[in-house]
Amino acid sequence: MLKDKRQKGKVIYKIWDIVVVVILAVLADCNEWEEIEDYAKEEKDFLKNFLKLTGNIPSAKTYERVISLIDVKS
């Protein structure tokens, strides 16, 4: 179970969208946060087939920050 620990009123991007994009980008051999952002921008039309992508594509810093909030022990 994935819990979103971000402040509800400040959330622009869905956590599920971020996690799925990161997983797909890593599978596509992206190893840096900037590469993940670039992947999301390049594959936006494909990603929109199954993700909401509210707020458009997050920045590399947003991907890094949100992923770092995930508690891997839960």
N, C-alpha and C. Protein backbone atom coordinates (compact mmCIF):
# COMPACT_ATOMS: atom_id res chain seq x y z
N MET A 1 0.84 -1.18 0.00
CA MET A 1 0.00 0.00 0.00
C MET A 1 0.89 1.24 0.00
N LEU A 2 0.58 2.17 -0.84
CA LEU A 2 1.35 3.39 -0.98
C LEU A 2 0.60 4.54 -0.34
N LYS A 3 1.19 5.15 0.67
CA LYS A 3 0.55 6.27 1.37
C LYS A 3 1.19 7.57 0.92
N ASP A 4 0.36 8.54 0.61
CA ASP A 4 0.83 9.85 0.19
C ASP A 4 0.95 10.74 1.42
N LYS A 5 2.17 11.08 1.80
CA LYS A 5 2.43 11.87 3.01
C LYS A 5 2.49 13.37 2.73
N ARG A 6 2.24 13.77 1.50
CA ARG A 6 2.32 15.19 1.17
C ARG A 6 1.11 15.93 1.71
N GLN A 7 1.25 17.25 1.88
CA GLN A 7 0.16 18.09 2.36
C GLN A 7 -0.92 18.17 1.29
N LYS A 8 -2.13 17.77 1.64
CA LYS A 8 -3.23 17.66 0.66
C LYS A 8 -3.45 18.94 -0.14
N GLY A 9 -3.43 20.08 0.49
CA GLY A 9 -3.71 21.34 -0.19
C GLY A 9 -2.62 21.80 -1.14
N LYS A 10 -1.46 21.19 -1.05
CA LYS A 10 -0.33 21.61 -1.88
C LYS A 10 0.01 20.61 -2.99
N VAL A 11 -0.77 19.55 -3.11
CA VAL A 11 -0.49 18.50 -4.08
C VAL A 11 -1.02 18.87 -5.46
N ILE A 12 -0.13 18.86 -6.43
CA ILE A 12 -0.51 19.12 -7.82
C ILE A 12 -0.53 17.82 -8.61
N TYR A 13 0.45 16.97 -8.36
CA TYR A 13 0.63 15.74 -9.12
C TYR A 13 0.18 14.54 -8.31
N LYS A 14 -0.48 13.61 -8.96
CA LYS A 14 -0.92 12.37 -8.32
C LYS A 14 0.31 11.50 -8.04
N ILE A 15 0.37 10.96 -6.83
CA ILE A 15 1.53 10.14 -6.47
C ILE A 15 1.65 8.92 -7.37
N TRP A 16 0.51 8.34 -7.73
CA TRP A 16 0.54 7.16 -8.60
C TRP A 16 1.15 7.50 -9.96
N ASP A 17 0.81 8.67 -10.50
CA ASP A 17 1.37 9.11 -11.78
C ASP A 17 2.90 9.20 -11.67
N ILE A 18 3.38 9.78 -10.58
CA ILE A 18 4.82 9.95 -10.39
C ILE A 18 5.51 8.60 -10.29
N VAL A 19 4.96 7.71 -9.48
CA VAL A 19 5.57 6.39 -9.29
C VAL A 19 5.60 5.60 -10.60
N VAL A 20 4.51 5.60 -11.32
CA VAL A 20 4.45 4.84 -12.58
C VAL A 20 5.43 5.41 -13.59
N VAL A 21 5.50 6.71 -13.71
CA VAL A 21 6.44 7.32 -14.66
C VAL A 21 7.87 6.96 -14.29
N VAL A 22 8.20 7.02 -13.01
CA VAL A 22 9.56 6.68 -12.58
C VAL A 22 9.88 5.22 -12.91
N ILE A 23 8.96 4.32 -12.63
CA ILE A 23 9.19 2.90 -12.93
C ILE A 23 9.40 2.69 -14.43
N LEU A 24 8.52 3.28 -15.24
CA LEU A 24 8.66 3.12 -16.69
C LEU A 24 9.95 3.74 -17.21
N ALA A 25 10.31 4.89 -16.68
CA ALA A 25 11.53 5.57 -17.11
C ALA A 25 12.76 4.75 -16.75
N VAL A 26 12.78 4.19 -15.56
CA VAL A 26 13.91 3.36 -15.15
C VAL A 26 14.00 2.11 -16.04
N LEU A 27 12.86 1.52 -16.36
CA LEU A 27 12.85 0.38 -17.28
C LEU A 27 13.36 0.77 -18.67
N ALA A 28 13.19 2.05 -19.02
CA ALA A 28 13.68 2.55 -20.31
C ALA A 28 15.12 3.06 -20.20
N ASP A 29 15.80 2.69 -19.11
CA ASP A 29 17.22 3.00 -18.90
C ASP A 29 17.49 4.45 -18.53
N CYS A 30 16.56 5.10 -17.87
CA CYS A 30 16.78 6.44 -17.34
C CYS A 30 17.31 6.29 -15.92
N ASN A 31 18.43 6.93 -15.63
CA ASN A 31 19.08 6.75 -14.33
C ASN A 31 19.21 8.03 -13.52
N GLU A 32 18.86 9.13 -14.08
CA GLU A 32 18.93 10.43 -13.39
C GLU A 32 17.55 11.06 -13.38
N TRP A 33 17.30 11.91 -12.40
CA TRP A 33 15.98 12.55 -12.30
C TRP A 33 15.66 13.38 -13.53
N GLU A 34 16.67 14.04 -14.09
CA GLU A 34 16.46 14.84 -15.30
C GLU A 34 16.08 13.95 -16.48
N GLU A 35 16.67 12.77 -16.56
CA GLU A 35 16.32 11.81 -17.62
C GLU A 35 14.88 11.33 -17.45
N ILE A 36 14.45 11.17 -16.22
CA ILE A 36 13.07 10.75 -15.96
C ILE A 36 12.11 11.84 -16.39
N GLU A 37 12.42 13.09 -16.08
CA GLU A 37 11.59 14.20 -16.54
C GLU A 37 11.54 14.25 -18.06
N ASP A 38 12.69 14.11 -18.70
CA ASP A 38 12.74 14.11 -20.17
C ASP A 38 11.92 12.97 -20.76
N TYR A 39 12.04 11.79 -20.16
CA TYR A 39 11.25 10.63 -20.60
C TYR A 39 9.76 10.95 -20.54
N ALA A 40 9.32 11.51 -19.43
CA ALA A 40 7.90 11.84 -19.26
C ALA A 40 7.43 12.84 -20.31
N LYS A 41 8.26 13.82 -20.61
CA LYS A 41 7.90 14.81 -21.62
C LYS A 41 7.82 14.18 -23.01
N GLU A 42 8.79 13.33 -23.31
CA GLU A 42 8.82 12.67 -24.62
C GLU A 42 7.69 11.68 -24.81
N GLU A 43 7.29 11.01 -23.73
CA GLU A 43 6.27 9.97 -23.80
C GLU A 43 4.91 10.43 -23.26
N LYS A 44 4.71 11.71 -23.18
CA LYS A 44 3.49 12.26 -22.58
C LYS A 44 2.22 11.71 -23.23
N ASP A 45 2.16 11.67 -24.53
CA ASP A 45 0.96 11.17 -25.21
C ASP A 45 0.69 9.72 -24.86
N PHE A 46 1.72 8.90 -24.81
CA PHE A 46 1.59 7.51 -24.41
C PHE A 46 1.12 7.40 -22.96
N LEU A 47 1.73 8.16 -22.07
CA LEU A 47 1.41 8.10 -20.64
C LEU A 47 -0.03 8.54 -20.36
N LYS A 48 -0.52 9.48 -21.13
CA LYS A 48 -1.88 9.98 -20.93
C LYS A 48 -2.94 8.92 -21.24
N ASN A 49 -2.55 7.84 -21.89
CA ASN A 49 -3.50 6.75 -22.15
C ASN A 49 -3.94 6.04 -20.88
N PHE A 50 -3.11 6.09 -19.83
CA PHE A 50 -3.45 5.38 -18.60
C PHE A 50 -3.14 6.14 -17.32
N LEU A 51 -2.61 7.36 -17.42
CA LEU A 51 -2.37 8.20 -16.25
C LEU A 51 -3.12 9.51 -16.39
N LYS A 52 -3.45 10.14 -15.28
CA LYS A 52 -4.16 11.41 -15.33
C LYS A 52 -3.24 12.57 -15.68
N LEU A 53 -2.02 12.52 -15.18
CA LEU A 53 -1.03 13.59 -15.41
C LEU A 53 -1.61 14.97 -15.08
N THR A 54 -2.30 15.05 -13.96
CA THR A 54 -2.82 16.35 -13.51
C THR A 54 -1.63 17.27 -13.22
N GLY A 55 -1.75 18.49 -13.62
CA GLY A 55 -0.66 19.43 -13.40
C GLY A 55 0.46 19.31 -14.41
N ASN A 56 0.25 18.48 -15.44
CA ASN A 56 1.24 18.28 -16.51
C ASN A 56 2.38 17.39 -16.04
N ILE A 57 3.60 17.64 -16.51
CA ILE A 57 4.76 16.81 -16.18
C ILE A 57 5.54 17.48 -15.06
N PRO A 58 5.80 16.75 -13.98
CA PRO A 58 6.58 17.32 -12.87
C PRO A 58 8.03 17.57 -13.27
N SER A 59 8.68 18.42 -12.50
CA SER A 59 10.11 18.67 -12.71
C SER A 59 10.91 17.51 -12.14
N ALA A 60 12.17 17.47 -12.50
CA ALA A 60 13.07 16.44 -11.98
C ALA A 60 13.13 16.51 -10.45
N LYS A 61 13.16 17.70 -9.90
CA LYS A 61 13.19 17.89 -8.44
C LYS A 61 11.93 17.34 -7.79
N THR A 62 10.79 17.49 -8.44
CA THR A 62 9.54 16.97 -7.89
C THR A 62 9.57 15.45 -7.87
N TYR A 63 10.03 14.83 -8.94
CA TYR A 63 10.16 13.37 -8.96
C TYR A 63 11.05 12.92 -7.81
N GLU A 64 12.19 13.55 -7.67
CA GLU A 64 13.14 13.18 -6.62
C GLU A 64 12.53 13.35 -5.22
N ARG A 65 11.88 14.49 -4.99
CA ARG A 65 11.31 14.78 -3.68
C ARG A 65 10.20 13.80 -3.31
N VAL A 66 9.29 13.55 -4.25
CA VAL A 66 8.16 12.66 -3.96
C VAL A 66 8.63 11.22 -3.75
N ILE A 67 9.52 10.74 -4.57
CA ILE A 67 10.02 9.38 -4.41
C ILE A 67 10.76 9.24 -3.07
N SER A 68 11.45 10.28 -2.66
CA SER A 68 12.18 10.21 -1.39
C SER A 68 11.24 10.15 -0.19
N LEU A 69 9.99 10.54 -0.36
CA LEU A 69 9.01 10.50 0.74
C LEU A 69 8.41 9.12 0.95
N ILE A 70 8.59 8.22 0.00
CA ILE A 70 7.99 6.89 0.09
C ILE A 70 8.72 6.06 1.14
N ASP A 71 7.97 5.52 2.06
CA ASP A 71 8.51 4.66 3.10
C ASP A 71 8.62 3.24 2.57
N VAL A 72 9.82 2.80 2.28
CA VAL A 72 10.01 1.49 1.67
C VAL A 72 9.83 0.35 2.67
N LYS A 73 9.75 0.66 3.95
CA LYS A 73 9.61 -0.36 4.98
C LYS A 73 8.15 -0.76 5.21
N SER A 74 7.22 0.03 4.72
CA SER A 74 5.80 -0.25 4.94
C SER A 74 5.25 -1.23 3.93
